Amino acid sequence: MRILLAEDDDPLAMTLRATLQRAGFAVDRARDGSEARFLGQEGLHDAVILDLGLPGCPGLEVLRTWRASGVRLPVLILTARDAWHEKVDGFNAGADDYLTKPFHPEELLARLTALLRRAHGLPPGGPLRAGGLTLDEGRQMLQRADGSTIPLTAMEFRLLRLFMLHPSQVLAKAWLEDRLYNEDHILGSNVLEVYVNRLRAKLGRDCIQTRRGLGYVFVPGEDA
């Protein structure tokens, strides 16, 4: 999953990027409001972490522009402004959640995960389940219905999480690549296929089916 981090403070942005990447997210950073406004309208991200004090264009104005143009990305405001009326302004502008600085990284990840789950119509807490598979996102571990566990590499985890959030849906190769990597990553021609085949080797070939010319479909069985 791909996150837009709109934060002008370099040390904080570096820390947040590292935290998000360890949790399995691809991260693009916007350093000012104009850049954030543009990137948020590209349709490449799953959620936004938005600082209100961005140079160039304030965060609230960026958010209002997004909502006025139909951008429905989940937005978590991250700011040092903690007055109640400023929180009300944020929610009225279209924010989905609001976290004040200083904060614990664990709380930010928990709030972000809850936003992403709700955006997919899922309960905000607990492990991610599809068929007979359970994915513990905190420990990046997969469990079968019989209780056995399957080790995952970092990229296998990221790809499987996308599949489990969209079971039985055709996911285009380009769409998957857009959400697995940030804008700085240079892809090889068959990188995605390599990771799909690695997951098939662990889960069974029928679990991830190819739709020629369209993409992949994740179809886990109840006894996976």
C-alpha atoms as a PDB file:
ATOM      1  CA  MET A   1       0.000   0.000   0.000  1.00  0.00           C
ATOM      2  CA  ARG A   2       1.222   3.473  -0.851  1.00  0.00           C
ATOM      3  CA  ILE A   3       1.121   6.457   1.494  1.00  0.00           C
ATOM      4  CA  LEU A   4       1.528  10.155   0.728  1.00  0.00           C
ATOM      5  CA  LEU A   5       3.421  11.877   3.543  1.00  0.00           C
ATOM      6  CA  ALA A   6       2.979  15.662   3.368  1.00  0.00           C
ATOM      7  CA  GLU A   7       5.471  16.980   5.938  1.00  0.00           C
ATOM      8  CA  ASP A   8       8.009  19.801   5.598  1.00  0.00           C
ATOM      9  CA  ASP A   9      10.074  18.950   8.698  1.00  0.00           C
ATOM     10  CA  ASP A  10      13.003  16.893   7.353  1.00  0.00           C
ATOM     11  CA  PRO A  11      13.999  14.985  10.537  1.00  0.00           C
ATOM     12  CA  LEU A  12      10.386  14.088  11.321  1.00  0.00           C
ATOM     13  CA  ALA A  13       9.683  13.091   7.722  1.00  0.00           C
ATOM     14  CA  MET A  14      12.736  10.796   7.680  1.00  0.00           C
ATOM     15  CA  THR A  15      11.625   9.144  10.921  1.00  0.00           C
ATOM     16  CA  LEU A  16       8.057   8.715   9.696  1.00  0.00           C
ATOM     17  CA  ARG A  17       9.175   7.326   6.339  1.00  0.00           C
ATOM     18  CA  ALA A  18      11.331   4.711   8.087  1.00  0.00           C
ATOM     19  CA  THR A  19       8.476   3.785  10.457  1.00  0.00           C
ATOM     20  CA  LEU A  20       5.996   3.405   7.600  1.00  0.00           C
ATOM     21  CA  GLN A  21       8.408   1.410   5.456  1.00  0.00           C
ATOM     22  CA  ARG A  22       9.095  -1.022   8.298  1.00  0.00           C
ATOM     23  CA  ALA A  23       5.331  -1.504   8.536  1.00  0.00           C
ATOM     24  CA  GLY A  24       5.209  -2.486   4.855  1.00  0.00           C
ATOM     25  CA  PHE A  25       4.140   0.762   3.178  1.00  0.00           C
ATOM     26  CA  ALA A  26       5.585   2.494   0.134  1.00  0.00           C
ATOM     27  CA  VAL A  27       5.982   6.197   0.918  1.00  0.00           C
ATOM     28  CA  ASP A  28       6.063   9.331  -1.250  1.00  0.00           C
ATOM     29  CA  ARG A  29       6.878  12.621   0.423  1.00  0.00           C
ATOM     30  CA  ALA A  30       5.570  16.086  -0.363  1.00  0.00           C
ATOM     31  CA  ARG A  31       7.595  18.952   1.123  1.00  0.00           C
ATOM     32  CA  ASP A  32       5.079  21.745   0.544  1.00  0.00           C
ATOM     33  CA  GLY A  33       1.390  22.270   0.014  1.00  0.00           C
ATOM     34  CA  SER A  34       1.514  22.682  -3.761  1.00  0.00           C
ATOM     35  CA  GLU A  35       3.366  19.384  -4.200  1.00  0.00           C
ATOM     36  CA  ALA A  36       0.976  17.640  -1.816  1.00  0.00           C
ATOM     37  CA  ARG A  37      -2.073  18.966  -3.655  1.00  0.00           C
ATOM     38  CA  PHE A  38      -0.725  17.685  -6.982  1.00  0.00           C
ATOM     39  CA  LEU A  39       0.363  14.246  -5.734  1.00  0.00           C
ATOM     40  CA  GLY A  40      -2.908  13.671  -3.902  1.00  0.00           C
ATOM     41  CA  GLN A  41      -4.848  14.112  -7.137  1.00  0.00           C
ATOM     42  CA  GLU A  42      -2.833  11.513  -9.085  1.00  0.00           C
ATOM     43  CA  GLY A  43      -4.845   8.591  -7.712  1.00  0.00           C
ATOM     44  CA  LEU A  44      -1.773   6.544  -6.767  1.00  0.00           C
ATOM     45  CA  HIS A  45      -2.073   6.560  -2.987  1.00  0.00           C
ATOM     46  CA  ASP A  46      -4.157   4.672  -0.448  1.00  0.00           C
ATOM     47  CA  ALA A  47      -4.021   7.311   2.315  1.00  0.00           C
ATOM     48  CA  VAL A  48      -2.423  10.639   3.233  1.00  0.00           C
ATOM     49  CA  ILE A  49      -0.643  11.844   6.358  1.00  0.00           C
ATOM     50  CA  LEU A  50      -1.057  15.609   6.159  1.00  0.00           C
ATOM     51  CA  ASP A  51       0.705  18.309   8.170  1.00  0.00           C
ATOM     52  CA  LEU A  52      -1.316  21.520   8.508  1.00  0.00           C
ATOM     53  CA  GLY A  53       1.666  23.894   8.557  1.00  0.00           C
ATOM     54  CA  LEU A  54       2.924  23.207   5.047  1.00  0.00           C
ATOM     55  CA  PRO A  55       4.727  26.038   3.230  1.00  0.00           C
ATOM     56  CA  GLY A  56       3.277  27.344  -0.005  1.00  0.00           C
ATOM     57  CA  CYS A  57      -0.282  26.188   0.623  1.00  0.00           C
ATOM     58  CA  PRO A  58      -1.629  25.381   4.125  1.00  0.00           C
ATOM     59  CA  GLY A  59      -2.673  21.804   4.791  1.00  0.00           C
ATOM     60  CA  LEU A  60      -6.325  22.722   5.356  1.00  0.00           C
ATOM     61  CA  GLU A  61      -6.466  24.444   1.982  1.00  0.00           C
ATOM     62  CA  VAL A  62      -4.894  21.385   0.345  1.00  0.00           C
ATOM     63  CA  LEU A  63      -7.507  19.180   1.986  1.00  0.00           C
ATOM     64  CA  ARG A  64     -10.394  21.426   0.955  1.00  0.00           C
ATOM     65  CA  THR A  65      -9.119  21.407  -2.638  1.00  0.00           C
ATOM     66  CA  TRP A  66      -8.960  17.614  -2.664  1.00  0.00           C
ATOM     67  CA  ARG A  67     -12.466  17.204  -1.306  1.00  0.00           C
ATOM     68  CA  ALA A  68     -13.906  19.834  -3.656  1.00  0.00           C
ATOM     69  CA  SER A  69     -12.395  17.981  -6.631  1.00  0.00           C
ATOM     70  CA  GLY A  70     -13.723  14.599  -5.483  1.00  0.00           C
ATOM     71  CA  VAL A  71     -10.527  13.125  -4.006  1.00  0.00           C
ATOM     72  CA  ARG A  72     -11.740  10.636  -1.392  1.00  0.00           C
ATOM     73  CA  LEU A  73      -8.392   9.482  -0.002  1.00  0.00           C
ATOM     74  CA  PRO A  74      -8.406   8.787   3.752  1.00  0.00           C
ATOM     75  CA  VAL A  75      -6.579  11.712   5.370  1.00  0.00           C
ATOM     76  CA  LEU A  76      -4.870  11.654   8.750  1.00  0.00           C
ATOM     77  CA  ILE A  77      -3.968  15.151   9.895  1.00  0.00           C
ATOM     78  CA  LEU A  78      -0.691  15.313  11.797  1.00  0.00           C
ATOM     79  CA  THR A  79      -0.025  18.661  13.478  1.00  0.00           C
ATOM     80  CA  ALA A  80       1.189  20.495  16.565  1.00  0.00           C
ATOM     81  CA  ARG A  81      -2.078  22.452  16.659  1.00  0.00           C
ATOM     82  CA  ASP A  82      -4.211  20.916  19.397  1.00  0.00           C
ATOM     83  CA  ALA A  83      -6.929  23.499  20.085  1.00  0.00           C
ATOM     84  CA  TRP A  84     -10.403  21.976  19.878  1.00  0.00           C
ATOM     85  CA  HIS A  85     -11.602  24.473  17.265  1.00  0.00           C
ATOM     86  CA  GLU A  86      -8.648  23.625  15.015  1.00  0.00           C
ATOM     87  CA  LYS A  87      -9.602  19.960  15.201  1.00  0.00           C
ATOM     88  CA  VAL A  88     -13.168  20.893  14.285  1.00  0.00           C
ATOM     89  CA  ASP A  89     -11.835  22.896  11.318  1.00  0.00           C
ATOM     90  CA  GLY A  90      -9.850  19.851  10.211  1.00  0.00           C
ATOM     91  CA  PHE A  91     -12.817  17.507  10.354  1.00  0.00           C
ATOM     92  CA  ASN A  92     -15.059  20.048   8.646  1.00  0.00           C
ATOM     93  CA  ALA A  93     -12.511  20.331   5.835  1.00  0.00           C
ATOM     94  CA  GLY A  94     -12.762  16.575   5.276  1.00  0.00           C
ATOM     95  CA  ALA A  95     -10.169  14.946   7.528  1.00  0.00           C
ATOM     96  CA  ASP A  96     -10.791  11.365   8.618  1.00  0.00           C
ATOM     97  CA  ASP A  97      -8.611  11.464  11.735  1.00  0.00           C
ATOM     98  CA  TYR A  98      -6.460  13.921  13.669  1.00  0.00           C
ATOM     99  CA  LEU A  99      -3.232  13.263  15.588  1.00  0.00           C
ATOM    100  CA  THR A 100      -1.295  15.940  17.448  1.00  0.00           C
ATOM    101  CA  LYS A 101       2.471  16.191  17.885  1.00  0.00           C
ATOM    102  CA  PRO A 102       4.311  14.814  19.761  1.00  0.00           C
ATOM    103  CA  PHE A 103       2.983  11.304  19.197  1.00  0.00           C
ATOM    104  CA  HIS A 104       4.012   7.664  19.473  1.00  0.00           C
ATOM    105  CA  PRO A 105       4.740   5.908  16.150  1.00  0.00           C
ATOM    106  CA  GLU A 106       2.634   2.951  17.298  1.00  0.00           C
ATOM    107  CA  GLU A 107      -0.417   5.208  17.637  1.00  0.00           C
ATOM    108  CA  LEU A 108       0.124   6.684  14.192  1.00  0.00           C
ATOM    109  CA  LEU A 109       0.352   3.203  12.649  1.00  0.00           C
ATOM    110  CA  ALA A 110      -2.751   2.045  14.515  1.00  0.00           C
ATOM    111  CA  ARG A 111      -4.769   5.061  13.343  1.00  0.00           C
ATOM    112  CA  LEU A 112      -3.507   4.730   9.768  1.00  0.00           C
ATOM    113  CA  THR A 113      -4.334   1.017   9.662  1.00  0.00           C
ATOM    114  CA  ALA A 114      -7.824   1.713  11.001  1.00  0.00           C
ATOM    115  CA  LEU A 115      -8.397   4.338   8.283  1.00  0.00           C
ATOM    116  CA  LEU A 116      -7.279   1.947   5.565  1.00  0.00           C
ATOM    117  CA  ARG A 117      -9.485  -0.854   6.894  1.00  0.00           C
ATOM    118  CA  ARG A 118     -12.546   1.383   6.993  1.00  0.00           C
ATOM    119  CA  ALA A 119     -11.811   2.543   3.439  1.00  0.00           C
ATOM    120  CA  HIS A 120     -12.097  -1.099   2.366  1.00  0.00           C
ATOM    121  CA  GLY A 121     -15.281  -1.706   4.365  1.00  0.00           C
ATOM    122  CA  LEU A 122     -13.500  -3.810   6.995  1.00  0.00           C
ATOM    123  CA  PRO A 123     -13.504  -3.647  10.797  1.00  0.00           C
ATOM    124  CA  PRO A 124     -10.718  -1.298  11.955  1.00  0.00           C
ATOM    125  CA  GLY A 125      -9.093  -3.766  14.360  1.00  0.00           C
ATOM    126  CA  GLY A 126      -7.836  -7.327  14.446  1.00  0.00           C
ATOM    127  CA  PRO A 127      -5.910  -9.350  11.880  1.00  0.00           C
ATOM    128  CA  LEU A 128      -6.738  -9.327   8.191  1.00  0.00           C
ATOM    129  CA  ARG A 129      -8.592 -12.483   7.064  1.00  0.00           C
ATOM    130  CA  ALA A 130      -9.500 -13.934   3.691  1.00  0.00           C
ATOM    131  CA  GLY A 131     -10.659 -17.497   3.181  1.00  0.00           C
ATOM    132  CA  GLY A 132      -8.737 -19.653   5.615  1.00  0.00           C
ATOM    133  CA  LEU A 133      -5.791 -17.264   5.847  1.00  0.00           C
ATOM    134  CA  THR A 134      -5.062 -14.795   8.639  1.00  0.00           C
ATOM    135  CA  LEU A 135      -2.506 -12.027   8.179  1.00  0.00           C
ATOM    136  CA  ASP A 136      -1.089 -10.410  11.300  1.00  0.00           C
ATOM    137  CA  GLU A 137       0.058  -7.034   9.975  1.00  0.00           C
ATOM    138  CA  GLY A 138       1.901  -6.082  13.157  1.00  0.00           C
ATOM    139  CA  ARG A 139       4.139  -9.165  13.035  1.00  0.00           C
ATOM    140  CA  GLN A 140       3.895  -9.560   9.239  1.00  0.00           C
ATOM    141  CA  MET A 141       3.043 -13.236   9.695  1.00  0.00           C
ATOM    142  CA  LEU A 142       0.566 -15.470   7.865  1.00  0.00           C
ATOM    143  CA  GLN A 143      -1.398 -18.270   9.515  1.00  0.00           C
ATOM    144  CA  ARG A 144      -3.406 -21.064   7.902  1.00  0.00           C
ATOM    145  CA  ALA A 145      -6.739 -22.353   9.183  1.00  0.00           C
ATOM    146  CA  ASP A 146      -4.960 -25.377  10.700  1.00  0.00           C
ATOM    147  CA  GLY A 147      -2.774 -23.107  12.827  1.00  0.00           C
ATOM    148  CA  SER A 148       0.417 -23.549  10.823  1.00  0.00           C
ATOM    149  CA  THR A 149       2.360 -20.412   9.916  1.00  0.00           C
ATOM    150  CA  ILE A 150       3.981 -19.356   6.652  1.00  0.00           C
ATOM    151  CA  PRO A 151       7.081 -17.124   6.682  1.00  0.00           C
ATOM    152  CA  LEU A 152       6.914 -14.068   4.428  1.00  0.00           C
ATOM    153  CA  THR A 153       9.555 -11.713   3.139  1.00  0.00           C
ATOM    154  CA  ALA A 154       8.854  -7.974   3.341  1.00  0.00           C
ATOM    155  CA  MET A 155       7.705  -7.756  -0.282  1.00  0.00           C
ATOM    156  CA  GLU A 156       5.663 -10.960  -0.080  1.00  0.00           C
ATOM    157  CA  PHE A 157       3.869  -9.475   2.922  1.00  0.00           C
ATOM    158  CA  ARG A 158       3.132  -6.222   1.102  1.00  0.00           C
ATOM    159  CA  LEU A 159       1.789  -8.006  -1.973  1.00  0.00           C
ATOM    160  CA  LEU A 160      -0.291 -10.501  -0.010  1.00  0.00           C
ATOM    161  CA  ARG A 161      -1.846  -7.709   2.060  1.00  0.00           C
ATOM    162  CA  LEU A 162      -3.039  -6.058  -1.160  1.00  0.00           C
ATOM    163  CA  PHE A 163      -4.512  -9.334  -2.397  1.00  0.00           C
ATOM    164  CA  MET A 164      -6.262 -10.006   0.907  1.00  0.00           C
ATOM    165  CA  LEU A 165      -7.786  -6.527   0.933  1.00  0.00           C
ATOM    166  CA  HIS A 166      -9.262  -7.231  -2.517  1.00  0.00           C
ATOM    167  CA  PRO A 167     -10.246 -10.923  -2.577  1.00  0.00           C
ATOM    168  CA  SER A 168     -11.843 -12.238  -5.782  1.00  0.00           C
ATOM    169  CA  GLN A 169     -11.157  -8.951  -7.582  1.00  0.00           C
ATOM    170  CA  VAL A 170      -9.111  -8.630 -10.763  1.00  0.00           C
ATOM    171  CA  LEU A 171      -6.083  -6.468  -9.916  1.00  0.00           C
ATOM    172  CA  ALA A 172      -4.102  -5.089 -12.835  1.00  0.00           C
ATOM    173  CA  LYS A 173      -0.332  -5.460 -12.822  1.00  0.00           C
ATOM    174  CA  ALA A 174       0.141  -1.683 -13.143  1.00  0.00           C
ATOM    175  CA  TRP A 175      -2.249  -1.038 -10.246  1.00  0.00           C
ATOM    176  CA  LEU A 176      -0.363  -3.455  -8.004  1.00  0.00           C
ATOM    177  CA  GLU A 177       3.006  -1.970  -8.934  1.00  0.00           C
ATOM    178  CA  ASP A 178       1.727   1.546  -8.223  1.00  0.00           C
ATOM    179  CA  ARG A 179       0.874   0.523  -4.664  1.00  0.00           C
ATOM    180  CA  LEU A 180       3.911  -1.615  -3.911  1.00  0.00           C
ATOM    181  CA  TYR A 181       6.538   0.961  -4.848  1.00  0.00           C
ATOM    182  CA  ASN A 182       7.069   4.694  -4.462  1.00  0.00           C
ATOM    183  CA  GLU A 183       7.856   7.092  -7.290  1.00  0.00           C
ATOM    184  CA  ASP A 184      11.637   6.691  -6.917  1.00  0.00           C
ATOM    185  CA  HIS A 185      11.655   2.926  -7.482  1.00  0.00           C
ATOM    186  CA  ILE A 186      12.761   1.585 -10.873  1.00  0.00           C
ATOM    187  CA  LEU A 187      11.013  -1.674 -11.743  1.00  0.00           C
ATOM    188  CA  GLY A 188      12.320  -4.568 -13.746  1.00  0.00           C
ATOM    189  CA  SER A 189      10.042  -6.100 -16.351  1.00  0.00           C
ATOM    190  CA  ASN A 190       9.106  -9.205 -14.341  1.00  0.00           C
ATOM    191  CA  VAL A 191       9.594  -8.198 -10.698  1.00  0.00           C
ATOM    192  CA  LEU A 192       5.913  -8.522  -9.832  1.00  0.00           C
ATOM    193  CA  GLU A 193       5.646 -11.940 -11.494  1.00  0.00           C
ATOM    194  CA  VAL A 194       8.566 -13.171  -9.381  1.00  0.00           C
ATOM    195  CA  TYR A 195       6.780 -12.284  -6.141  1.00  0.00           C
ATOM    196  CA  VAL A 196       3.450 -13.654  -7.350  1.00  0.00           C
ATOM    197  CA  ASN A 197       5.141 -16.974  -8.097  1.00  0.00           C
ATOM    198  CA  ARG A 198       6.803 -16.970  -4.668  1.00  0.00           C
ATOM    199  CA  LEU A 199       3.405 -16.576  -3.023  1.00  0.00           C
ATOM    200  CA  ARG A 200       1.946 -19.301  -5.221  1.00  0.00           C
ATOM    201  CA  ALA A 201       4.718 -21.644  -4.090  1.00  0.00           C
ATOM    202  CA  LYS A 202       3.754 -20.987  -0.468  1.00  0.00           C
ATOM    203  CA  LEU A 203      -0.046 -20.827  -0.770  1.00  0.00           C
ATOM    204  CA  GLY A 204      -0.790 -23.048  -3.757  1.00  0.00           C
ATOM    205  CA  ARG A 205      -0.886 -22.105  -7.433  1.00  0.00           C
ATOM    206  CA  ASP A 206      -4.674 -21.843  -7.555  1.00  0.00           C
ATOM    207  CA  CYS A 207      -4.695 -19.224  -4.797  1.00  0.00           C
ATOM    208  CA  ILE A 208      -3.507 -16.478  -7.180  1.00  0.00           C
ATOM    209  CA  GLN A 209      -4.904 -16.859 -10.680  1.00  0.00           C
ATOM    210  CA  THR A 210      -3.793 -15.031 -13.809  1.00  0.00           C
ATOM    211  CA  ARG A 211      -6.365 -13.312 -15.999  1.00  0.00           C
ATOM    212  CA  ARG A 212      -4.473 -12.912 -19.258  1.00  0.00           C
ATOM    213  CA  GLY A 213      -4.380  -9.299 -20.366  1.00  0.00           C
ATOM    214  CA  LEU A 214      -6.133  -8.152 -17.189  1.00  0.00           C
ATOM    215  CA  GLY A 215      -4.098  -9.029 -14.095  1.00  0.00           C
ATOM    216  CA  TYR A 216      -4.379 -11.339 -11.084  1.00  0.00           C
ATOM    217  CA  VAL A 217      -7.202 -12.611  -8.889  1.00  0.00           C
ATOM    218  CA  PHE A 218      -6.697 -13.778  -5.308  1.00  0.00           C
ATOM    219  CA  VAL A 219      -9.102 -16.655  -4.580  1.00  0.00           C
ATOM    220  CA  PRO A 220      -8.200 -18.286  -1.245  1.00  0.00           C
ATOM    221  CA  GLY A 221     -10.137 -21.400  -0.284  1.00  0.00           C
ATOM    222  CA  GLU A 222     -11.708 -21.833   3.137  1.00  0.00           C
ATOM    223  CA  ASP A 223      -9.128 -24.519   3.916  1.00  0.00           C
ATOM    224  CA  ALA A 224      -6.111 -22.538   2.713  1.00  0.00           C
END
